[in-house]
Every structure is written in C-alpha cells, then in structure tokens.
PDB file of N, CA and C in Angstrom:
ATOM      1  N   MET A   1      53.049  94.681 178.134  1.00  0.00           N
ATOM      2  CA  MET A   1      53.217  95.398 176.888  1.00  0.00           C
ATOM      3  C   MET A   1      51.874  95.721 176.243  1.00  0.00           C
ATOM      4  N   ALA A   2      50.851  94.928 176.482  1.00  0.00           N
ATOM      5  CA  ALA A   2      49.546  95.185 175.867  1.00  0.00           C
ATOM      6  C   ALA A   2      48.998  96.536 176.296  1.00  0.00           C
ATOM      7  N   GLY A   3      49.311  96.989 177.523  1.00  0.00           N
ATOM      8  CA  GLY A   3      48.828  98.296 177.979  1.00  0.00           C
ATOM      9  C   GLY A   3      49.361  99.420 177.121  1.00  0.00           C
ATOM     10  N   LYS A   4      50.652  99.386 176.792  1.00  0.00           N
ATOM     11  CA  LYS A   4      51.233 100.396 175.906  1.00  0.00           C
ATOM     12  C   LYS A   4      50.625 100.277 174.516  1.00  0.00           C
ATOM     13  N   GLY A   5      50.419  99.043 174.081  1.00  0.00           N
ATOM     14  CA  GLY A   5      49.829  98.812 172.769  1.00  0.00           C
ATOM     15  C   GLY A   5      48.418  99.346 172.686  1.00  0.00           C
ATOM     16  N   LYS A   6      47.654  99.208 173.767  1.00  0.00           N
ATOM     17  CA  LYS A   6      46.276  99.707 173.779  1.00  0.00           C
ATOM     18  C   LYS A   6      46.260 101.223 173.606  1.00  0.00           C
ATOM     19  N   ALA A   7      47.131 101.921 174.317  1.00  0.00           N
ATOM     20  CA  ALA A   7      47.199 103.379 174.197  1.00  0.00           C
ATOM     21  C   ALA A   7      47.594 103.774 172.772  1.00  0.00           C
ATOM     22  N   LEU A   8      48.558 103.072 172.209  1.00  0.00           N
ATOM     23  CA  LEU A   8      48.991 103.347 170.846  1.00  0.00           C
ATOM     24  C   LEU A   8      47.874 103.027 169.856  1.00  0.00           C
ATOM     25  N   PHE A   9      47.182 101.911 170.073  1.00  0.00           N
ATOM     26  CA  PHE A   9      46.054 101.545 169.214  1.00  0.00           C
ATOM     27  C   PHE A   9      44.987 102.637 169.251  1.00  0.00           C
ATOM     28  N   ASN A  10      44.637 103.091 170.439  1.00  0.00           N
ATOM     29  CA  ASN A  10      43.605 104.129 170.568  1.00  0.00           C
ATOM     30  C   ASN A  10      44.006 105.403 169.837  1.00  0.00           C
ATOM     31  N   GLU A  11      45.291 105.714 169.857  1.00  0.00           N
ATOM     32  CA  GLU A  11      45.787 106.925 169.208  1.00  0.00           C
ATOM     33  C   GLU A  11      45.877 106.769 167.687  1.00  0.00           C
ATOM     34  N   MET A  12      46.400 105.641 167.232  1.00  0.00           N
ATOM     35  CA  MET A  12      46.746 105.490 165.819  1.00  0.00           C
ATOM     36  C   MET A  12      45.748 104.670 164.989  1.00  0.00           C
ATOM     37  N   CYS A  13      45.032 103.761 165.612  1.00  0.00           N
ATOM     38  CA  CYS A  13      44.277 102.761 164.843  1.00  0.00           C
ATOM     39  C   CYS A  13      42.767 102.798 165.054  1.00  0.00           C
ATOM     40  N   SER A  14      42.339 103.292 166.200  1.00  0.00           N
ATOM     41  CA  SER A  14      40.924 103.173 166.562  1.00  0.00           C
ATOM     42  C   SER A  14      39.993 103.943 165.644  1.00  0.00           C
ATOM     43  N   HIS A  15      40.485 104.984 164.983  1.00  0.00           N
ATOM     44  CA  HIS A  15      39.595 105.746 164.107  1.00  0.00           C
ATOM     45  C   HIS A  15      39.089 104.884 162.944  1.00  0.00           C
ATOM     46  N   CYS A  16      39.809 103.841 162.570  1.00  0.00           N
ATOM     47  CA  CYS A  16      39.330 102.924 161.528  1.00  0.00           C
ATOM     48  C   CYS A  16      38.892 101.572 162.100  1.00  0.00           C
ATOM     49  N   HIS A  17      39.674 101.048 163.035  1.00  0.00           N
ATOM     50  CA  HIS A  17      39.415  99.699 163.561  1.00  0.00           C
ATOM     51  C   HIS A  17      38.487  99.701 164.775  1.00  0.00           C
ATOM     52  N   GLY A  18      38.121 100.875 165.274  1.00  0.00           N
ATOM     53  CA  GLY A  18      37.159 100.980 166.364  1.00  0.00           C
ATOM     54  C   GLY A  18      37.789 100.938 167.745  1.00  0.00           C
ATOM     55  N   LEU A  19      37.151 101.611 168.671  1.00  0.00           N
ATOM     56  CA  LEU A  19      37.588 101.606 170.063  1.00  0.00           C
ATOM     57  C   LEU A  19      37.479 100.179 170.596  1.00  0.00           C
ATOM     58  N   ASN A  20      38.527  99.690 171.231  1.00  0.00           N
ATOM     59  CA  ASN A  20      38.602  98.302 171.707  1.00  0.00           C
ATOM     60  C   ASN A  20      38.380  97.302 170.575  1.00  0.00           C
ATOM     61  N   MET A  21      38.723  97.729 169.353  1.00  0.00           N
ATOM     62  CA  MET A  21      38.639  96.901 168.147  1.00  0.00           C
ATOM     63  C   MET A  21      37.212  96.549 167.751  1.00  0.00           C
ATOM     64  N   VAL A  22      36.230  97.231 168.311  1.00  0.00           N
ATOM     65  CA  VAL A  22      34.835  96.949 167.975  1.00  0.00           C
ATOM     66  C   VAL A  22      34.451  97.813 166.781  1.00  0.00           C
ATOM     67  N   ASN A  23      34.191  97.158 165.666  1.00  0.00           N
ATOM     68  CA  ASN A  23      33.719  97.830 164.460  1.00  0.00           C
ATOM     69  C   ASN A  23      32.915  96.823 163.650  1.00  0.00           C
ATOM     70  N   PRO A  24      32.135  97.294 162.702  1.00  0.00           N
ATOM     71  CA  PRO A  24      31.303  96.364 161.947  1.00  0.00           C
ATOM     72  C   PRO A  24      32.084  95.482 160.978  1.00  0.00           C
ATOM     73  N   GLY A  25      33.376  95.769 160.772  1.00  0.00           N
ATOM     74  CA  GLY A  25      34.172  94.962 159.866  1.00  0.00           C
ATOM     75  C   GLY A  25      33.852  95.176 158.400  1.00  0.00           C
ATOM     76  N   THR A  26      33.131  96.247 158.095  1.00  0.00           N
ATOM     77  CA  THR A  26      32.773  96.494 156.704  1.00  0.00           C
ATOM     78  C   THR A  26      33.779  97.382 155.983  1.00  0.00           C
ATOM     79  N   SER A  27      34.417  98.302 156.682  1.00  0.00           N
ATOM     80  CA  SER A  27      35.398  99.171 156.034  1.00  0.00           C
ATOM     81  C   SER A  27      36.818  98.915 156.526  1.00  0.00           C
ATOM     82  N   ALA A  28      36.963  98.336 157.695  1.00  0.00           N
ATOM     83  CA  ALA A  28      38.283  97.992 158.241  1.00  0.00           C
ATOM     84  C   ALA A  28      38.191  96.588 158.836  1.00  0.00           C
ATOM     85  N   PHE A  29      39.278  95.873 158.748  1.00  0.00           N
ATOM     86  CA  PHE A  29      39.325  94.505 159.251  1.00  0.00           C
ATOM     87  C   PHE A  29      38.997  94.467 160.741  1.00  0.00           C
ATOM     88  N   ASP A  30      38.185  93.516 161.141  1.00  0.00           N
ATOM     89  CA  ASP A  30      37.854  93.315 162.553  1.00  0.00           C
ATOM     90  C   ASP A  30      39.036  92.607 163.206  1.00  0.00           C
ATOM     91  N   LEU A  31      39.875  93.377 163.885  1.00  0.00           N
ATOM     92  CA  LEU A  31      41.108  92.830 164.447  1.00  0.00           C
ATOM     93  C   LEU A  31      40.882  91.815 165.556  1.00  0.00           C
ATOM     94  N   ARG A  32      39.685  91.751 166.104  1.00  0.00           N
ATOM     95  CA  ARG A  32      39.404  90.710 167.104  1.00  0.00           C
ATOM     96  C   ARG A  32      39.433  89.337 166.453  1.00  0.00           C
ATOM     97  N   GLN A  33      39.293  89.302 165.132  1.00  0.00           N
ATOM     98  CA  GLN A  33      39.305  88.051 164.379  1.00  0.00           C
ATOM     99  C   GLN A  33      40.679  87.722 163.797  1.00  0.00           C
ATOM    100  N   PHE A  34      41.665  88.579 164.047  1.00  0.00           N
ATOM    101  CA  PHE A  34      42.990  88.350 163.472  1.00  0.00           C
ATOM    102  C   PHE A  34      43.608  87.101 164.097  1.00  0.00           C
ATOM    103  N   PRO A  35      44.183  86.215 163.280  1.00  0.00           N
ATOM    104  CA  PRO A  35      44.777  84.986 163.817  1.00  0.00           C
ATOM    105  C   PRO A  35      45.907  85.295 164.806  1.00  0.00           C
ATOM    106  N   HIS A  36      45.784  84.819 166.023  1.00  0.00           N
ATOM    107  CA  HIS A  36      46.750  85.130 167.071  1.00  0.00           C
ATOM    108  C   HIS A  36      48.082  84.419 166.899  1.00  0.00           C
ATOM    109  N   ASP A  37      48.175  83.572 165.900  1.00  0.00           N
ATOM    110  CA  ASP A  37      49.431  82.872 165.644  1.00  0.00           C
ATOM    111  C   ASP A  37      50.123  83.384 164.381  1.00  0.00           C
ATOM    112  N   ASP A  38      49.718  84.551 163.890  1.00  0.00           N
ATOM    113  CA  ASP A  38      50.271  85.062 162.640  1.00  0.00           C
ATOM    114  C   ASP A  38      50.858  86.460 162.797  1.00  0.00           C
ATOM    115  N   GLU A  39      51.822  86.568 163.699  1.00  0.00           N
ATOM    116  CA  GLU A  39      52.477  87.856 163.940  1.00  0.00           C
ATOM    117  C   GLU A  39      53.151  88.378 162.671  1.00  0.00           C
ATOM    118  N   LYS A  40      53.723  87.479 161.888  1.00  0.00           N
ATOM    119  CA  LYS A  40      54.411  87.899 160.665  1.00  0.00           C
ATOM    120  C   LYS A  40      53.451  88.637 159.724  1.00  0.00           C
ATOM    121  N   ARG A  41      52.262  88.109 159.555  1.00  0.00           N
ATOM    122  CA  ARG A  41      51.241  88.752 158.704  1.00  0.00           C
ATOM    123  C   ARG A  41      50.860  90.115 159.266  1.00  0.00           C
ATOM    124  N   PHE A  42      50.663  90.189 160.594  1.00  0.00           N
ATOM    125  CA  PHE A  42      50.310  91.460 161.230  1.00  0.00           C
ATOM    126  C   PHE A  42      51.397  92.503 160.982  1.00  0.00           C
ATOM    127  N   ARG A  43      52.645  92.131 161.259  1.00  0.00           N
ATOM    128  CA  ARG A  43      53.755  93.070 161.073  1.00  0.00           C
ATOM    129  C   ARG A  43      53.843  93.545 159.622  1.00  0.00           C
ATOM    130  N   HIS A  44      53.669  92.642 158.694  1.00  0.00           N
ATOM    131  CA  HIS A  44      53.740  93.004 157.281  1.00  0.00           C
ATOM    132  C   HIS A  44      52.615  93.973 156.917  1.00  0.00           C
ATOM    133  N   SER A  45      51.406  93.686 157.360  1.00  0.00           N
ATOM    134  CA  SER A  45      50.260  94.549 157.053  1.00  0.00           C
ATOM    135  C   SER A  45      50.438  95.947 157.627  1.00  0.00           C
ATOM    136  N   VAL A  46      50.909  96.016 158.871  1.00  0.00           N
ATOM    137  CA  VAL A  46      51.102  97.323 159.514  1.00  0.00           C
ATOM    138  C   VAL A  46      52.246  98.081 158.846  1.00  0.00           C
ATOM    139  N   THR A  47      53.317  97.397 158.552  1.00  0.00           N
ATOM    140  CA  THR A  47      54.494  98.050 157.979  1.00  0.00           C
ATOM    141  C   THR A  47      54.256  98.536 156.556  1.00  0.00           C
ATOM    142  N   PHE A  48      53.657  97.687 155.722  1.00  0.00           N
ATOM    143  CA  PHE A  48      53.534  97.991 154.300  1.00  0.00           C
ATOM    144  C   PHE A  48      52.129  98.344 153.838  1.00  0.00           C
ATOM    145  N   GLY A  49      51.139  98.195 154.727  1.00  0.00           N
ATOM    146  CA  GLY A  49      49.759  98.474 154.362  1.00  0.00           C
ATOM    147  C   GLY A  49      49.135  97.282 153.656  1.00  0.00           C
ATOM    148  N   LYS A  50      47.821  97.330 153.546  1.00  0.00           N
ATOM    149  CA  LYS A  50      47.102  96.264 152.846  1.00  0.00           C
ATOM    150  C   LYS A  50      45.710  96.787 152.492  1.00  0.00           C
ATOM    151  N   GLY A  51      45.335  96.651 151.246  1.00  0.00           N
ATOM    152  CA  GLY A  51      44.034  97.150 150.814  1.00  0.00           C
ATOM    153  C   GLY A  51      43.908  98.638 151.084  1.00  0.00           C
ATOM    154  N   ASN A  52      42.866  99.023 151.824  1.00  0.00           N
ATOM    155  CA  ASN A  52      42.642 100.433 152.156  1.00  0.00           C
ATOM    156  C   ASN A  52      43.520 100.929 153.300  1.00  0.00           C
ATOM    157  N   MET A  53      44.195 100.005 153.978  1.00  0.00           N
ATOM    158  CA  MET A  53      45.022 100.405 155.122  1.00  0.00           C
ATOM    159  C   MET A  53      46.359 100.956 154.631  1.00  0.00           C
ATOM    160  N   PRO A  54      46.714 102.147 155.114  1.00  0.00           N
ATOM    161  CA  PRO A  54      48.005 102.716 154.714  1.00  0.00           C
ATOM    162  C   PRO A  54      49.159 102.002 155.402  1.00  0.00           C
ATOM    163  N   ALA A  55      50.337 102.195 154.852  1.00  0.00           N
ATOM    164  CA  ALA A  55      51.566 101.674 155.465  1.00  0.00           C
ATOM    165  C   ALA A  55      51.952 102.568 156.638  1.00  0.00           C
ATOM    166  N   TRP A  56      52.302 101.937 157.755  1.00  0.00           N
ATOM    167  CA  TRP A  56      52.707 102.675 158.950  1.00  0.00           C
ATOM    168  C   TRP A  56      54.184 102.482 159.273  1.00  0.00           C
ATOM    169  N   GLY A  57      54.914 101.779 158.419  1.00  0.00           N
ATOM    170  CA  GLY A  57      56.309 101.453 158.692  1.00  0.00           C
ATOM    171  C   GLY A  57      57.218 102.650 158.869  1.00  0.00           C
ATOM    172  N   ASP A  58      56.900 103.763 158.230  1.00  0.00           N
ATOM    173  CA  ASP A  58      57.724 104.968 158.376  1.00  0.00           C
ATOM    174  C   ASP A  58      57.374 105.758 159.629  1.00  0.00           C
ATOM    175  N   LEU A  59      56.221 105.462 160.239  1.00  0.00           N
ATOM    176  CA  LEU A  59      55.774 106.216 161.413  1.00  0.00           C
ATOM    177  C   LEU A  59      55.927 105.455 162.723  1.00  0.00           C
ATOM    178  N   LEU A  60      55.889 104.133 162.655  1.00  0.00           N
ATOM    179  CA  LEU A  60      55.956 103.322 163.869  1.00  0.00           C
ATOM    180  C   LEU A  60      57.300 102.608 163.964  1.00  0.00           C
ATOM    181  N   LYS A  61      57.854 102.597 165.156  1.00  0.00           N
ATOM    182  CA  LYS A  61      59.078 101.845 165.417  1.00  0.00           C
ATOM    183  C   LYS A  61      58.724 100.365 165.530  1.00  0.00           C
ATOM    184  N   PRO A  62      59.676  99.476 165.264  1.00  0.00           N
ATOM    185  CA  PRO A  62      59.412  98.046 165.447  1.00  0.00           C
ATOM    186  C   PRO A  62      58.897  97.710 166.844  1.00  0.00           C
ATOM    187  N   SER A  63      59.386  98.397 167.856  1.00  0.00           N
ATOM    188  CA  SER A  63      58.920  98.136 169.224  1.00  0.00           C
ATOM    189  C   SER A  63      57.452  98.541 169.384  1.00  0.00           C
ATOM    190  N   GLU A  64      57.025  99.589 168.692  1.00  0.00           N
ATOM    191  CA  GLU A  64      55.623 100.013 168.761  1.00  0.00           C
ATOM    192  C   GLU A  64      54.719  99.003 168.044  1.00  0.00           C
ATOM    193  N   ILE A  65      55.208  98.446 166.953  1.00  0.00           N
ATOM    194  CA  ILE A  65      54.435  97.414 166.265  1.00  0.00           C
ATOM    195  C   ILE A  65      54.304  96.191 167.168  1.00  0.00           C
ATOM    196  N   SER A  66      55.355  95.872 167.924  1.00  0.00           N
ATOM    197  CA  SER A  66      55.281  94.773 168.899  1.00  0.00           C
ATOM    198  C   SER A  66      54.241  95.062 169.966  1.00  0.00           C
ATOM    199  N   GLU A  67      54.175  96.298 170.415  1.00  0.00           N
ATOM    200  CA  GLU A  67      53.180  96.685 171.421  1.00  0.00           C
ATOM    201  C   GLU A  67      51.768  96.577 170.852  1.00  0.00           C
ATOM    202  N   LEU A  68      51.595  96.990 169.607  1.00  0.00           N
ATOM    203  CA  LEU A  68      50.281  96.853 168.962  1.00  0.00           C
ATOM    204  C   LEU A  68      49.909  95.383 168.819  1.00  0.00           C
ATOM    205  N   TRP A  69      50.875  94.548 168.456  1.00  0.00           N
ATOM    206  CA  TRP A  69      50.617  93.116 168.311  1.00  0.00           C
ATOM    207  C   TRP A  69      50.146  92.530 169.644  1.00  0.00           C
ATOM    208  N   ALA A  70      50.768  92.931 170.748  1.00  0.00           N
ATOM    209  CA  ALA A  70      50.356  92.441 172.051  1.00  0.00           C
ATOM    210  C   ALA A  70      48.904  92.819 172.335  1.00  0.00           C
ATOM    211  N   ASP A  71      48.508  94.015 171.936  1.00  0.00           N
ATOM    212  CA  ASP A  71      47.119  94.445 172.142  1.00  0.00           C
ATOM    213  C   ASP A  71      46.174  93.652 171.245  1.00  0.00           C
ATOM    214  N   VAL A  72      46.548  93.450 169.998  1.00  0.00           N
ATOM    215  CA  VAL A  72      45.699  92.691 169.069  1.00  0.00           C
ATOM    216  C   VAL A  72      45.528  91.262 169.577  1.00  0.00           C
ATOM    217  N   LYS A  73      46.603  90.665 170.060  1.00  0.00           N
ATOM    218  CA  LYS A  73      46.494  89.291 170.602  1.00  0.00           C
ATOM    219  C   LYS A  73      45.564  89.233 171.812  1.00  0.00           C
ATOM    220  N   SER A  74      45.444  90.333 172.521  1.00  0.00           N
ATOM    221  CA  SER A  74      44.542  90.364 173.691  1.00  0.00           C
ATOM    222  C   SER A  74      43.084  90.517 173.264  1.00  0.00           C
ATOM    223  N   GLY A  75      42.862  90.776 171.982  1.00  0.00           N
ATOM    224  CA  GLY A  75      41.495  90.963 171.487  1.00  0.00           C
ATOM    225  C   GLY A  75      40.921  92.317 171.835  1.00  0.00           C
ATOM    226  N   GLY A  76      41.779  93.273 172.227  1.00  0.00           N
ATOM    227  CA  GLY A  76      41.313  94.596 172.575  1.00  0.00           C
ATOM    228  C   GLY A  76      40.707  94.700 173.964  1.00  0.00           C
ATOM    229  N   LYS A  77      40.872  93.634 174.737  1.00  0.00           N
ATOM    230  CA  LYS A  77      40.303  93.654 176.087  1.00  0.00           C
ATOM    231  C   LYS A  77      41.110  94.586 176.968  1.00  0.00           C
ATOM    232  N   PRO A  78      40.414  95.298 177.863  1.00  0.00           N
ATOM    233  CA  PRO A  78      41.101  96.242 178.752  1.00  0.00           C
ATOM    234  C   PRO A  78      42.066  95.560 179.704  1.00  0.00           C
TER     235      PRO A  78
END
C-alpha cells in the first residue's frame, strides 16, 4: 500500500511537504518526524487540516488517507 501512497503523496502533498518528505520543516511539518504510532492524529490532520495545512477530507477517500499513512510510516523511503 505504501507504493500507492507514495504516488498520491507526490501528487497531493509534496508541493508543501517535499519530495520524499524532505523539506526544511519551516513552513510544513517534516513528516519523517511524524510519530509512527499516531495514525489517529494523522487522519485527523489530513481530514480537517491543521495550522496552515488545508483540510483534505472532501477530496481524499478514507482508503487514500490509509495509503498516505502507509507512505508516512515508511518515512518517504522509495
């Protein structure tokens, strides 16, 4: 599932969070540091937004959020 999540991440998230999640962490959260045991927090943030991050709940299906979570848990590794 992480493979599908990576493609979705590159399409939807990389412009802020960086390709392979590599970014300076100054304007968007460094997702490589996201706690891998806090799926509930991830789902809530993606669905409803947080800080400067917009809500994606109307655009992403729950299954797509699961795919993104699998990619985030992988740390963005190919």
